[in-house]
């Protein structure tokens, strides 16, 4: 019985989805951390990434509905199947110069990532209770970053002799493709959502088994119009726009072995960020979740703005002297790598914070899956546009200035969104889901807005949910 309970536990589901993320987007990120997917020039890979994210603009929103229809587990399984062709296309292009396969692999990856992104975030954010959400999100993201860590160490060992700018060796891709193939059996080990139990013995109260296409369309539109989602849209579009610029920065100004070193160190910085933010978001020392959200956002906004000023100064230096740096170049290399790694640390911390933030908003049956899907669609839109800019021959200085300006533009609406976080988690469960439209009584986003406002008026009064699913012993 104990073994069965552990197999159905939230902790194991998060570990499993983290390991699957390690084999799929984790390895994809490892390739991106090499700069331009490890290629010598960034233009083809940036165009491929723009195609991937272009598909995800629509795919993630639809995948949120798919999660409600077939469940998060099977949506994740379908997503895994489409990831590996992209990595293999980079190998073929690196060794034989074939370009069309890169675009095909990118299109397949866009379909798979749409399903994967929506389902993995639904599991990682929706399964844990309020008291453990930060740590569980940190475990998910930390395991995902094993991909760049292992990929970076492999790449560093294979490319340690490359002291000039160029592309990585093709053997690098073979190892990473092998790791990606392990994702499918791991995904199949996940438990169905209705069988997962939290530490207090309760089931997940807000995840549907089945819904209708008509219901999903109506509720997705309702989610798009909700205040919480609308205020987070700008940061999901522009908040990590700079990652494309930084990929071009890394490809243009760093030697091959320095890029491999940066890939390895980036993964370490990301894991550190995951652990710190995951611990702080669950810490009661800072007060209610509303107070924690405000404190953390103020820290992120201040540090990220300061870092963009530093990055702009560094880019001006490289614009004047574009000679590639190697790790033997002393202070010039130190400044170039320091600003890059700190930016990666803050990006990772911001991502963990944003997914924790989504989980703090009031929710009922199906709303989390839809919210995640919609926001990841806007995130994909931002990535699509940024990679489109990165695929052009626009100067790195111009791309840096654009990314900085877009970051500044998202600060005010995000601040307003952070101020909507209720003091305590509000979860609702409705009648069991049915494929019959008349029986599908999903709570509307406007109702959730009203409840959130009431909960936020008094942060010192704990919320007690009357839902039998939550109060059951």
Protein backbone atom coordinates (compact mmCIF):
# COMPACT_ATOMS: atom_id res chain seq x y z
CA UNK A 1 0.00 0.00 0.00
CA UNK A 2 2.83 2.41 0.88
CA UNK A 3 4.50 1.67 -2.45
CA UNK A 4 1.24 2.31 -4.30
CA UNK A 5 0.74 5.58 -2.37
CA UNK A 6 4.23 6.75 -3.31
CA UNK A 7 3.64 5.85 -6.95
CA UNK A 8 0.55 8.09 -6.93
CA UNK A 9 2.19 10.89 -4.93
CA UNK A 10 2.58 14.45 -6.17
CA UNK A 11 6.33 14.33 -5.49
CA UNK A 12 6.89 11.36 -7.81
CA UNK A 13 4.76 12.90 -10.57
CA UNK A 14 6.85 16.09 -10.39
CA UNK A 15 10.09 14.10 -10.49
CA UNK A 16 8.86 12.13 -13.49
CA UNK A 17 7.69 15.20 -15.41
CA UNK A 18 11.00 16.86 -14.52
CA UNK A 19 12.95 13.92 -15.94
CA UNK A 20 10.85 13.93 -19.10
CA UNK A 21 11.46 17.67 -19.38
CA UNK A 22 15.17 16.98 -18.99
CA UNK A 23 15.11 14.66 -22.01
CA UNK A 24 13.02 16.95 -24.25
CA UNK A 25 13.04 20.75 -23.74
CA UNK A 26 16.08 20.30 -21.49
CA UNK A 27 18.12 18.87 -24.35
CA UNK A 28 16.61 21.45 -26.72
CA UNK A 29 17.81 24.16 -24.33
CA UNK A 30 21.23 22.50 -24.20
CA UNK A 31 21.46 22.93 -27.96
CA UNK A 32 20.35 26.56 -27.75
CA UNK A 33 22.88 27.27 -25.00
CA UNK A 34 25.62 26.32 -27.45
CA UNK A 35 24.61 29.40 -29.44
CA UNK A 36 22.61 28.97 -32.68
CA UNK A 37 22.05 25.28 -31.94
CA UNK A 38 25.82 24.71 -32.15
CA UNK A 39 26.07 25.99 -35.71
CA UNK A 40 28.59 28.51 -37.03
CA UNK A 41 25.99 31.10 -38.13
CA UNK A 42 22.74 31.85 -36.28
CA UNK A 43 20.42 32.59 -39.22
CA UNK A 44 19.11 29.12 -40.18
CA UNK A 45 18.57 28.00 -36.59
CA UNK A 46 16.89 31.28 -35.66
CA UNK A 47 14.54 30.89 -38.64
CA UNK A 48 13.79 27.31 -37.54
CA UNK A 49 13.10 28.45 -33.98
CA UNK A 50 10.81 31.19 -35.30
CA UNK A 51 8.83 28.49 -37.16
CA UNK A 52 8.65 26.33 -34.02
CA UNK A 53 7.31 29.15 -31.90
CA UNK A 54 5.04 30.36 -34.67
CA UNK A 55 3.23 27.02 -34.57
CA UNK A 56 3.13 27.17 -30.78
CA UNK A 57 1.38 30.55 -30.82
CA UNK A 58 -1.82 28.70 -31.73
CA UNK A 59 -0.80 25.22 -30.62
CA UNK A 60 -0.37 25.97 -26.91
CA UNK A 61 -3.85 27.43 -26.56
CA UNK A 62 -5.36 24.42 -28.33
CA UNK A 63 -3.20 22.09 -26.24
CA UNK A 64 -4.65 23.59 -23.06
CA UNK A 65 -8.05 22.40 -24.23
CA UNK A 66 -6.55 19.05 -25.26
CA UNK A 67 -5.29 18.60 -21.69
CA UNK A 68 -8.86 18.90 -20.45
CA UNK A 69 -10.08 16.45 -23.07
CA UNK A 70 -7.58 13.57 -22.88
CA UNK A 71 -5.70 14.46 -19.70
CA UNK A 72 -2.29 15.96 -18.99
CA UNK A 73 -0.47 12.60 -19.10
CA UNK A 74 -1.46 11.64 -22.64
CA UNK A 75 -1.01 15.18 -23.90
CA UNK A 76 2.54 15.01 -22.54
CA UNK A 77 3.15 11.61 -24.18
CA UNK A 78 2.04 12.94 -27.57
CA UNK A 79 4.28 15.96 -27.14
CA UNK A 80 7.36 13.82 -26.45
CA UNK A 81 7.04 11.97 -29.76
CA UNK A 82 7.61 15.10 -31.85
CA UNK A 83 10.73 16.47 -30.14
CA UNK A 84 13.62 14.25 -31.31
CA UNK A 85 13.47 14.97 -35.09
CA UNK A 86 14.66 18.53 -34.49
CA UNK A 87 17.87 17.46 -32.73
CA UNK A 88 18.52 14.91 -35.45
CA UNK A 89 18.03 17.60 -38.10
CA UNK A 90 20.76 19.72 -36.49
CA UNK A 91 23.08 16.71 -36.64
CA UNK A 92 22.34 16.16 -40.35
CA UNK A 93 22.83 19.85 -41.08
CA UNK A 94 26.05 20.02 -39.08
CA UNK A 95 27.57 16.99 -40.83
CA UNK A 96 26.07 17.10 -44.34
CA UNK A 97 24.79 20.66 -44.74
CA UNK A 98 21.13 19.64 -45.23
CA UNK A 99 18.88 22.61 -44.45
CA UNK A 100 15.32 21.50 -45.36
CA UNK A 101 15.33 18.84 -42.63
CA UNK A 102 16.04 21.55 -40.03
CA UNK A 103 12.83 23.34 -41.00
CA UNK A 104 10.84 20.07 -40.99
CA UNK A 105 12.25 19.16 -37.59
CA UNK A 106 11.35 22.63 -36.32
CA UNK A 107 7.74 22.26 -37.52
CA UNK A 108 7.37 18.86 -35.82
CA UNK A 109 8.95 20.29 -32.68
CA UNK A 110 6.42 23.12 -32.70
CA UNK A 111 3.54 20.63 -32.70
CA UNK A 112 5.11 18.53 -29.96
CA UNK A 113 6.20 21.44 -27.81
CA UNK A 114 2.68 22.92 -27.90
CA UNK A 115 1.33 19.80 -26.24
CA UNK A 116 4.37 19.33 -24.02
CA UNK A 117 4.57 22.88 -22.66
CA UNK A 118 0.90 23.01 -21.69
CA UNK A 119 0.80 19.59 -20.06
CA UNK A 120 4.09 19.75 -18.14
CA UNK A 121 3.22 23.13 -16.61
CA UNK A 122 -0.27 21.91 -15.72
CA UNK A 123 1.24 19.01 -13.78
CA UNK A 124 4.04 20.99 -12.13
CA UNK A 125 1.88 23.96 -11.12
CA UNK A 126 -1.50 22.30 -10.60
CA UNK A 127 -0.69 19.12 -8.69
CA UNK A 128 1.08 20.59 -5.61
CA UNK A 129 -0.74 22.30 -2.75
CA UNK A 130 0.05 25.91 -1.79
CA UNK A 131 2.57 24.89 0.87
CA UNK A 132 4.73 22.88 -1.53
CA UNK A 133 4.18 24.57 -4.90
CA UNK A 134 7.41 26.59 -4.95
CA UNK A 135 9.59 23.58 -4.16
CA UNK A 136 7.80 21.36 -6.65
CA UNK A 137 8.15 23.93 -9.44
CA UNK A 138 11.85 24.23 -8.50
CA UNK A 139 12.30 20.43 -8.73
CA UNK A 140 10.61 20.40 -12.14
CA UNK A 141 12.75 23.22 -13.50
CA UNK A 142 15.88 21.92 -11.81
CA UNK A 143 15.54 18.48 -13.40
CA UNK A 144 14.82 20.12 -16.74
CA UNK A 145 18.12 21.95 -16.42
CA UNK A 146 19.99 18.68 -16.12
CA UNK A 147 19.65 18.69 -19.91
CA UNK A 148 21.82 21.77 -20.44
CA UNK A 149 24.14 20.62 -17.61
CA UNK A 150 24.83 17.19 -19.08
CA UNK A 151 24.69 18.47 -22.63
CA UNK A 152 27.08 21.27 -21.75
CA UNK A 153 29.58 18.92 -20.10
CA UNK A 154 29.48 16.58 -23.10
CA UNK A 155 29.90 19.45 -25.53
CA UNK A 156 32.74 20.93 -23.47
CA UNK A 157 34.64 17.65 -23.49
CA UNK A 158 34.17 17.24 -27.25
CA UNK A 159 34.98 20.84 -28.19
CA UNK A 160 37.67 21.79 -25.68
CA UNK A 161 40.17 22.32 -28.51
CA UNK A 162 38.05 24.87 -30.40
CA UNK A 163 39.66 28.19 -29.48
CA UNK A 164 38.16 29.99 -32.53
CA UNK A 165 34.60 30.87 -33.48
CA UNK A 166 32.78 28.18 -35.50
CA UNK A 167 30.45 25.20 -35.03
CA UNK A 168 30.57 22.34 -32.54
CA UNK A 169 31.51 18.77 -33.50
CA UNK A 170 28.76 16.51 -34.88
CA UNK A 171 29.38 13.87 -32.17
CA UNK A 172 27.77 16.30 -29.72
CA UNK A 173 24.37 15.82 -31.36
CA UNK A 174 24.49 12.02 -31.30
CA UNK A 175 24.78 11.90 -27.52
CA UNK A 176 21.97 14.41 -27.04
CA UNK A 177 19.67 12.56 -29.47
CA UNK A 178 20.22 9.37 -27.47
CA UNK A 179 19.14 11.13 -24.26
CA UNK A 180 15.98 12.43 -25.92
CA UNK A 181 14.90 8.92 -26.85
CA UNK A 182 14.54 8.07 -23.14
CA UNK A 183 11.68 10.55 -22.72
CA UNK A 184 8.81 8.40 -23.99
CA UNK A 185 9.12 5.49 -21.49
CA UNK A 186 9.45 7.98 -18.63
CA UNK A 187 6.29 9.82 -19.73
CA UNK A 188 4.33 6.57 -19.76
CA UNK A 189 5.11 6.08 -16.04
CA UNK A 190 3.02 9.12 -15.05
CA UNK A 191 -0.21 8.45 -13.15
CA UNK A 192 -3.57 9.71 -14.48
CA UNK A 193 -4.52 13.00 -12.76
CA UNK A 194 -7.57 11.54 -11.02
CA UNK A 195 -5.39 8.97 -9.23
CA UNK A 196 -2.76 11.38 -7.90
CA UNK A 197 -2.91 12.23 -4.18
CA UNK A 198 -1.47 15.14 -2.25
CA UNK A 199 0.41 14.61 1.05
CA UNK A 200 -2.80 15.13 3.07
CA UNK A 201 -4.51 12.34 1.14
CA UNK A 202 -6.76 14.56 -0.98
CA UNK A 203 -6.98 14.38 -4.75
CA UNK A 204 -6.36 17.25 -7.15
CA UNK A 205 -9.62 19.25 -6.85
CA UNK A 206 -9.61 21.31 -10.03
CA UNK A 207 -8.52 19.02 -12.86
CA UNK A 208 -11.17 17.71 -15.26
CA UNK A 209 -11.14 14.32 -16.92
CA UNK A 210 -13.25 15.19 -19.95
CA UNK A 211 -14.89 18.19 -21.55
CA UNK A 212 -16.34 19.21 -24.90
CA UNK A 213 -14.83 21.21 -27.74
CA UNK A 214 -17.61 23.82 -27.48
CA UNK A 215 -17.04 24.23 -23.75
CA UNK A 216 -13.28 24.54 -24.19
CA UNK A 217 -13.63 27.22 -26.88
CA UNK A 218 -15.95 29.30 -24.68
CA UNK A 219 -13.85 28.91 -21.56
CA UNK A 220 -10.55 29.65 -23.35
CA UNK A 221 -12.06 32.92 -24.58
CA UNK A 222 -13.19 33.66 -21.03
CA UNK A 223 -9.65 33.01 -19.74
CA UNK A 224 -8.15 35.33 -22.37
CA UNK A 225 -10.42 38.12 -21.15
CA UNK A 226 -9.69 37.56 -17.45
CA UNK A 227 -7.75 40.29 -15.64
CA UNK A 228 -4.99 38.05 -14.29
CA UNK A 229 -4.08 36.54 -17.63
CA UNK A 230 -4.36 39.83 -19.52
CA UNK A 231 -1.88 41.55 -17.20
CA UNK A 232 0.67 38.73 -17.51
CA UNK A 233 0.52 38.63 -21.32
CA UNK A 234 3.14 41.42 -21.79
CA UNK A 235 5.83 39.70 -19.73
CA UNK A 236 5.15 36.34 -21.37
CA UNK A 237 5.65 38.00 -24.76
CA UNK A 238 8.58 40.31 -23.98
CA UNK A 239 10.06 39.19 -20.66
CA UNK A 240 12.46 36.66 -22.17
CA UNK A 241 12.77 38.29 -25.59
CA UNK A 242 16.42 38.92 -24.84
CA UNK A 243 17.33 35.23 -24.90
CA UNK A 244 17.42 35.33 -28.71
CA UNK A 245 19.70 38.35 -28.67
CA UNK A 246 21.94 36.60 -26.14
CA UNK A 247 22.14 33.50 -28.33
CA UNK A 248 23.39 35.68 -31.18
CA UNK A 249 25.73 37.47 -28.76
CA UNK A 250 27.17 34.12 -27.68
CA UNK A 251 27.54 32.83 -31.25
CA UNK A 252 29.14 36.01 -32.56
CA UNK A 253 31.59 36.88 -29.82
CA UNK A 254 32.68 33.59 -28.17
CA UNK A 255 35.01 30.83 -29.36
CA UNK A 256 33.62 27.29 -29.78
CA UNK A 257 35.06 26.00 -26.53
CA UNK A 258 33.95 29.13 -24.68
CA UNK A 259 30.41 28.55 -25.95
CA UNK A 260 30.57 24.98 -24.66
CA UNK A 261 31.82 26.26 -21.29
CA UNK A 262 29.01 28.81 -21.16
CA UNK A 263 26.47 26.08 -21.93
CA UNK A 264 27.76 24.06 -18.97
CA UNK A 265 27.89 27.01 -16.56
CA UNK A 266 24.45 28.25 -17.66
CA UNK A 267 22.89 25.00 -16.51
CA UNK A 268 24.54 25.36 -13.10
CA UNK A 269 23.29 28.94 -12.77
CA UNK A 270 19.79 27.83 -13.75
CA UNK A 271 19.68 25.07 -11.14
CA UNK A 272 20.87 27.55 -8.48
CA UNK A 273 18.08 29.94 -9.54
CA UNK A 274 15.50 27.13 -9.38
CA UNK A 275 16.48 26.15 -5.85
CA UNK A 276 16.61 29.72 -4.52
CA UNK A 277 13.29 30.86 -5.96
CA UNK A 278 11.56 27.58 -5.14
CA UNK A 279 12.64 27.87 -1.50
CA UNK A 280 11.78 31.56 -1.15
CA UNK A 281 8.32 31.26 -2.71
CA UNK A 282 7.38 28.59 -0.15
CA UNK A 283 8.95 30.45 2.79
CA UNK A 284 6.47 31.70 5.39
CA UNK A 285 9.06 34.14 6.78
CA UNK A 286 8.13 36.68 4.09
CA UNK A 287 4.44 36.48 4.98
CA UNK A 288 1.48 35.50 2.83
CA UNK A 289 1.84 34.46 -0.80
CA UNK A 290 0.66 37.95 -1.80
CA UNK A 291 3.52 39.58 0.12
CA UNK A 292 6.03 37.06 -1.22
CA UNK A 293 4.92 37.80 -4.77
CA UNK A 294 5.42 41.53 -4.31
CA UNK A 295 8.85 41.21 -2.69
CA UNK A 296 10.15 38.82 -5.33
CA UNK A 297 8.80 40.85 -8.23
CA UNK A 298 10.41 44.04 -6.91
CA UNK A 299 13.75 42.19 -6.71
CA UNK A 300 13.42 40.79 -10.25
CA UNK A 301 12.37 44.09 -11.79
CA UNK A 302 15.25 45.99 -10.17
CA UNK A 303 18.00 43.46 -10.88
CA UNK A 304 16.90 42.74 -14.45
CA UNK A 305 16.80 46.43 -15.33
CA UNK A 306 20.30 46.95 -13.89
CA UNK A 307 21.58 43.93 -15.80
CA UNK A 308 20.20 45.24 -19.11
CA UNK A 309 22.14 48.46 -18.58
CA UNK A 310 25.32 46.41 -18.10
CA UNK A 311 24.53 44.25 -21.15
CA UNK A 312 24.03 47.32 -23.33
CA UNK A 313 27.39 48.76 -22.27
CA UNK A 314 29.07 45.40 -23.01
CA UNK A 315 27.39 45.20 -26.42
CA UNK A 316 28.63 48.68 -27.34
CA UNK A 317 32.15 47.48 -26.52
CA UNK A 318 31.78 44.44 -28.81
CA UNK A 319 30.26 46.57 -31.56
CA UNK A 320 33.48 48.57 -31.58
CA UNK A 321 35.73 45.50 -31.27
CA UNK A 322 34.01 42.32 -32.52
CA UNK A 323 37.01 40.00 -32.12
CA UNK A 324 35.78 36.68 -30.59
CA UNK A 325 36.81 36.08 -26.99
CA UNK A 326 38.29 32.90 -25.56
CA UNK A 327 38.73 31.87 -21.93
CA UNK A 328 42.40 32.88 -22.07
CA UNK A 329 41.50 36.53 -22.78
CA UNK A 330 41.40 37.69 -19.16
CA UNK A 331 39.13 40.56 -18.10
CA UNK A 332 37.52 40.96 -21.54
CA UNK A 333 36.30 37.38 -21.40
CA UNK A 334 35.37 37.74 -17.72
CA UNK A 335 33.08 40.70 -18.38
CA UNK A 336 31.54 39.06 -21.45
CA UNK A 337 30.70 35.81 -19.68
CA UNK A 338 29.64 37.38 -16.36
CA UNK A 339 26.86 39.49 -17.83
CA UNK A 340 25.66 36.53 -19.91
CA UNK A 341 25.54 34.09 -16.98
CA UNK A 342 23.84 36.55 -14.63
CA UNK A 343 21.22 37.24 -17.29
CA UNK A 344 20.58 33.50 -17.62
CA UNK A 345 20.26 33.20 -13.83
CA UNK A 346 17.67 35.98 -13.72
CA UNK A 347 15.75 34.60 -16.70
CA UNK A 348 15.49 31.21 -15.01
CA UNK A 349 14.49 32.73 -11.68
CA UNK A 350 11.85 34.82 -13.44
CA UNK A 351 10.39 31.76 -15.20
CA UNK A 352 10.08 29.84 -11.92
CA UNK A 353 8.48 32.89 -10.32
CA UNK A 354 5.97 33.34 -13.15
CA UNK A 355 4.78 29.74 -13.03
CA UNK A 356 4.51 29.93 -9.27
CA UNK A 357 2.55 33.17 -9.77
CA UNK A 358 0.08 31.47 -12.12
CA UNK A 359 -0.53 28.87 -9.43
CA UNK A 360 -1.38 31.50 -6.82
CA UNK A 361 -4.45 32.79 -8.65
CA UNK A 362 -7.87 31.35 -7.78
CA UNK A 363 -8.85 28.46 -10.01
CA UNK A 364 -11.57 25.90 -10.60
CA UNK A 365 -12.11 22.95 -12.91
CA UNK A 366 -10.08 23.32 -16.10
CA UNK A 367 -8.97 26.93 -15.59
CA UNK A 368 -5.32 26.14 -14.85
CA UNK A 369 -4.82 24.11 -18.03
CA UNK A 370 -6.44 26.85 -20.10
CA UNK A 371 -4.49 29.64 -18.40
CA UNK A 372 -1.19 27.84 -18.90
CA UNK A 373 -2.02 27.10 -22.53
CA UNK A 374 -3.02 30.69 -23.29
CA UNK A 375 0.01 32.25 -21.58
CA UNK A 376 2.40 29.81 -23.23
CA UNK A 377 0.85 30.75 -26.56
CA UNK A 378 1.76 34.38 -25.92
CA UNK A 379 5.19 33.27 -24.75
CA UNK A 380 5.56 31.44 -28.04
CA UNK A 381 4.43 34.54 -29.92
CA UNK A 382 7.20 36.52 -28.25
CA UNK A 383 9.76 33.83 -29.02
CA UNK A 384 8.56 33.58 -32.63
CA UNK A 385 8.94 37.31 -33.15
CA UNK A 386 12.28 37.50 -31.34
CA UNK A 387 13.74 34.61 -33.33
CA UNK A 388 12.42 36.24 -36.48
CA UNK A 389 14.36 39.37 -35.57
CA UNK A 390 17.36 37.20 -34.68
CA UNK A 391 17.22 35.49 -38.06
CA UNK A 392 17.61 38.84 -39.78
CA UNK A 393 20.90 40.61 -40.29
CA UNK A 394 19.91 43.39 -37.92
CA UNK A 395 22.89 44.39 -35.77
CA UNK A 396 23.33 42.88 -32.31
CA UNK A 397 23.35 46.38 -30.80
CA UNK A 398 19.91 47.13 -32.26
CA UNK A 399 18.58 43.79 -31.01
CA UNK A 400 19.97 44.52 -27.55
CA UNK A 401 18.28 47.93 -27.40
CA UNK A 402 14.97 46.46 -28.60
CA UNK A 403 15.04 43.69 -25.98
CA UNK A 404 15.85 46.24 -23.25
CA UNK A 405 12.97 48.50 -24.32
CA UNK A 406 10.49 45.61 -24.40
CA UNK A 407 11.54 44.55 -20.91
CA UNK A 408 10.85 48.05 -19.58
CA UNK A 409 7.44 48.03 -21.30
CA UNK A 410 6.27 44.89 -19.47
CA UNK A 411 7.19 46.03 -15.94
CA UNK A 412 4.05 48.11 -15.21
CA UNK A 413 1.36 45.58 -16.28
CA UNK A 414 3.21 42.76 -14.53
CA UNK A 415 3.35 44.82 -11.35
CA UNK A 416 -0.42 45.23 -11.50
CA UNK A 417 -0.79 41.49 -12.06
CA UNK A 418 1.38 40.71 -9.04
CA UNK A 419 -0.83 42.97 -6.90
CA UNK A 420 -3.82 40.73 -7.74
CA UNK A 421 -2.36 37.69 -5.96
CA UNK A 422 -4.66 36.67 -3.07
CA UNK A 423 -3.24 36.12 0.39
CA UNK A 424 -4.07 32.42 0.31
CA UNK A 425 -4.76 29.81 -2.33
CA UNK A 426 -8.35 29.46 -3.57
CA UNK A 427 -9.29 26.20 -5.27
CA UNK A 428 -12.77 25.14 -6.33
CA UNK A 429 -14.16 21.86 -7.54
CA UNK A 430 -17.40 21.60 -9.45
CA UNK A 431 -19.57 18.68 -10.37
CA UNK A 432 -17.79 15.80 -12.12
CA UNK A 433 -17.00 16.60 -15.73
CA UNK A 434 -19.23 15.24 -18.42
CA UNK A 435 -19.22 15.13 -22.17
CA UNK A 436 -22.79 16.42 -21.93
CA UNK A 437 -22.69 20.20 -22.42
CA UNK A 438 -25.57 20.77 -19.97
CA UNK A 439 -23.73 18.97 -17.19
CA UNK A 440 -20.45 20.81 -17.69
CA UNK A 441 -20.68 23.68 -15.19
CA UNK A 442 -17.26 25.26 -15.30
CA UNK A 443 -16.85 28.40 -13.20
CA UNK A 444 -16.26 31.48 -15.35
CA UNK A 445 -13.14 33.60 -15.17
CA UNK A 446 -15.17 36.66 -14.09
CA UNK A 447 -16.42 34.79 -11.01
CA UNK A 448 -12.84 33.90 -10.15
CA UNK A 449 -11.85 37.56 -10.50
CA UNK A 450 -14.51 38.56 -7.94
CA UNK A 451 -13.44 35.88 -5.47
CA UNK A 452 -9.80 36.82 -5.86
CA UNK A 453 -10.60 40.47 -5.10
CA UNK A 454 -12.43 39.48 -1.93
CA UNK A 455 -9.57 37.22 -0.84
CA UNK A 456 -7.00 39.95 -1.42
CA UNK A 457 -8.80 42.51 0.74
CA UNK A 458 -7.62 40.84 3.93
CA UNK A 459 -4.26 39.10 3.62
CA UNK A 460 -4.16 38.17 7.30
CA UNK A 461 -7.31 36.04 7.24
CA UNK A 462 -6.63 32.45 6.07
CA UNK A 463 -8.89 31.17 3.32
CA UNK A 464 -10.93 28.10 4.15
CA UNK A 465 -12.37 26.36 1.13
CA UNK A 466 -15.61 24.53 1.73
CA UNK A 467 -14.95 22.15 -1.16
CA UNK A 468 -15.41 18.55 0.04
CA UNK A 469 -12.46 17.54 -2.11
CA UNK A 470 -10.21 19.85 -0.09
CA UNK A 471 -11.61 19.23 3.37
CA UNK A 472 -11.80 15.47 3.15
CA UNK A 473 -9.57 13.76 5.69
